[in-house]
Protein backbone atom coordinates (compact mmCIF):
# COMPACT_ATOMS: atom_id res chain seq x y z
CA MET A 1 110.11 84.28 104.93
CA ARG A 2 113.52 85.22 106.29
CA PRO A 3 115.13 88.49 105.17
CA ASN A 4 117.94 86.68 103.36
CA GLU A 5 115.34 84.83 101.24
CA LEU A 6 113.73 88.04 100.02
CA GLU A 7 115.99 89.06 97.15
CA PRO A 8 115.79 85.77 95.21
CA TYR A 9 112.04 85.65 95.82
CA LEU A 10 111.54 89.21 94.58
CA GLY A 11 113.55 88.43 91.45
CA PHE A 12 111.30 85.48 90.69
CA ALA A 13 107.94 86.96 91.71
CA LEU A 14 108.00 90.30 89.89
CA ASP A 15 108.90 91.84 86.55
CA TYR A 16 110.98 95.02 86.65
CA PRO A 17 110.69 97.97 86.67
CA VAL A 18 107.84 97.85 89.18
CA ASP A 19 106.28 100.54 91.34
CA ALA A 20 105.68 100.30 95.09
CA ASP A 21 101.89 100.22 94.69
CA ASP A 22 102.09 97.19 92.41
CA VAL A 23 104.46 95.41 94.81
CA ARG A 24 102.13 96.11 97.73
CA ARG A 25 99.12 94.90 95.74
CA ARG A 26 100.81 91.66 94.62
CA LEU A 27 103.09 90.81 97.57
CA GLY A 28 101.88 93.01 100.41
CA LEU A 29 100.73 90.10 102.58
CA VAL A 30 104.06 88.27 102.41
CA GLU A 31 105.53 88.18 105.92
CA VAL A 32 109.19 88.73 106.77
CA SER A 33 110.10 86.97 110.00
CA ALA A 34 112.49 88.20 112.66
CA PRO A 35 115.14 85.75 113.87
CA GLY A 36 114.73 84.26 117.32
CA VAL A 37 111.31 85.80 118.06
CA ASP A 38 107.76 85.18 116.96
CA ALA A 39 107.41 88.47 115.11
CA THR A 40 106.76 89.24 111.47
CA THR A 41 106.42 92.32 109.32
CA THR A 42 104.58 92.40 106.01
CA ILE A 43 106.02 93.72 102.77
CA ASP A 44 103.09 96.16 102.76
CA ASP A 45 104.33 97.68 106.05
CA LEU A 46 107.93 97.78 104.85
CA LEU A 47 107.02 99.67 101.67
CA ARG A 48 104.91 102.40 103.29
CA PRO A 49 107.84 104.87 103.42
CA ALA A 50 108.44 104.29 99.69
CA ASP A 51 104.98 105.21 98.37
CA GLY A 52 105.24 106.25 94.73
CA ALA A 53 108.75 104.82 94.26
CA THR A 54 109.72 102.73 91.26
CA PHE A 55 112.25 99.90 91.51
CA ASP A 56 114.41 98.93 88.53
CA SER A 57 115.58 95.61 89.96
CA ALA A 58 115.00 93.04 92.68
CA THR A 59 118.14 94.33 94.39
CA ALA A 60 116.79 97.89 94.60
CA LEU A 61 113.50 96.64 96.03
CA TYR A 62 115.28 94.33 98.46
CA GLU A 63 117.47 97.16 99.72
CA GLN A 64 114.41 99.33 100.32
CA LEU A 65 112.70 96.55 102.29
CA VAL A 66 115.76 95.72 104.39
CA CYS A 67 116.31 99.39 105.25
CA ASN A 68 112.86 99.48 106.81
CA LEU A 69 113.19 96.40 109.01
CA ASP A 70 112.92 97.25 112.70
CA GLU A 71 115.26 96.35 115.55
CA ARG A 72 113.72 92.89 116.01
CA HIS A 73 115.51 91.88 112.80
CA VAL A 74 118.92 92.91 114.14
CA GLY A 75 121.08 90.26 115.74
CA ARG A 76 122.81 91.03 119.01
CA LYS A 77 122.65 94.77 119.57
CA PHE A 78 125.99 96.52 120.00
CA TYR A 79 127.86 93.28 119.24
CA ASP A 80 131.46 93.87 118.28
CA ASP A 81 133.76 90.94 117.62
CA ARG A 82 136.82 93.23 117.50
CA GLY A 83 136.88 94.58 121.03
CA GLY A 84 135.87 93.89 124.58
CA GLN A 85 132.38 93.65 125.92
CA ALA A 86 130.16 96.69 125.65
CA ALA A 87 129.32 98.45 128.88
CA SER A 88 125.98 97.38 130.31
CA THR A 89 124.76 100.99 130.47
CA GLY A 90 124.98 103.76 127.95
CA GLY A 91 125.51 101.67 124.82
CA PRO A 92 128.73 100.42 123.25
CA ARG A 93 131.95 101.64 124.87
CA ASP A 94 135.37 100.15 125.09
CA GLU A 95 138.13 102.70 125.56
CA ARG A 96 140.73 99.97 126.22
CA ASN A 97 140.62 98.53 122.73
CA THR A 98 140.39 101.48 120.38
CA SER A 99 141.45 100.76 116.81
CA PHE A 100 142.13 103.33 114.13
């Protein structure tokens, strides 16, 4: 399942409020795929930092899951459509096009 498909799925699959243990028990094996690579992460793995938490809505649960996605789920790193290209070393820098 793609990350953008999670929130509607969570709204349909669970009744709220729900605790993290119940989510892990019922949906823990559901895999969230990373774009452009053959990598997945399970909902069980994404909820580990939230042990004992209770979620009042699908949106709250979705936000918790998305916050725990790793860098494989990020598009182009350091992409900025407002400035020049990022320097190839040292991360994003573009002193020519600074906007305030």
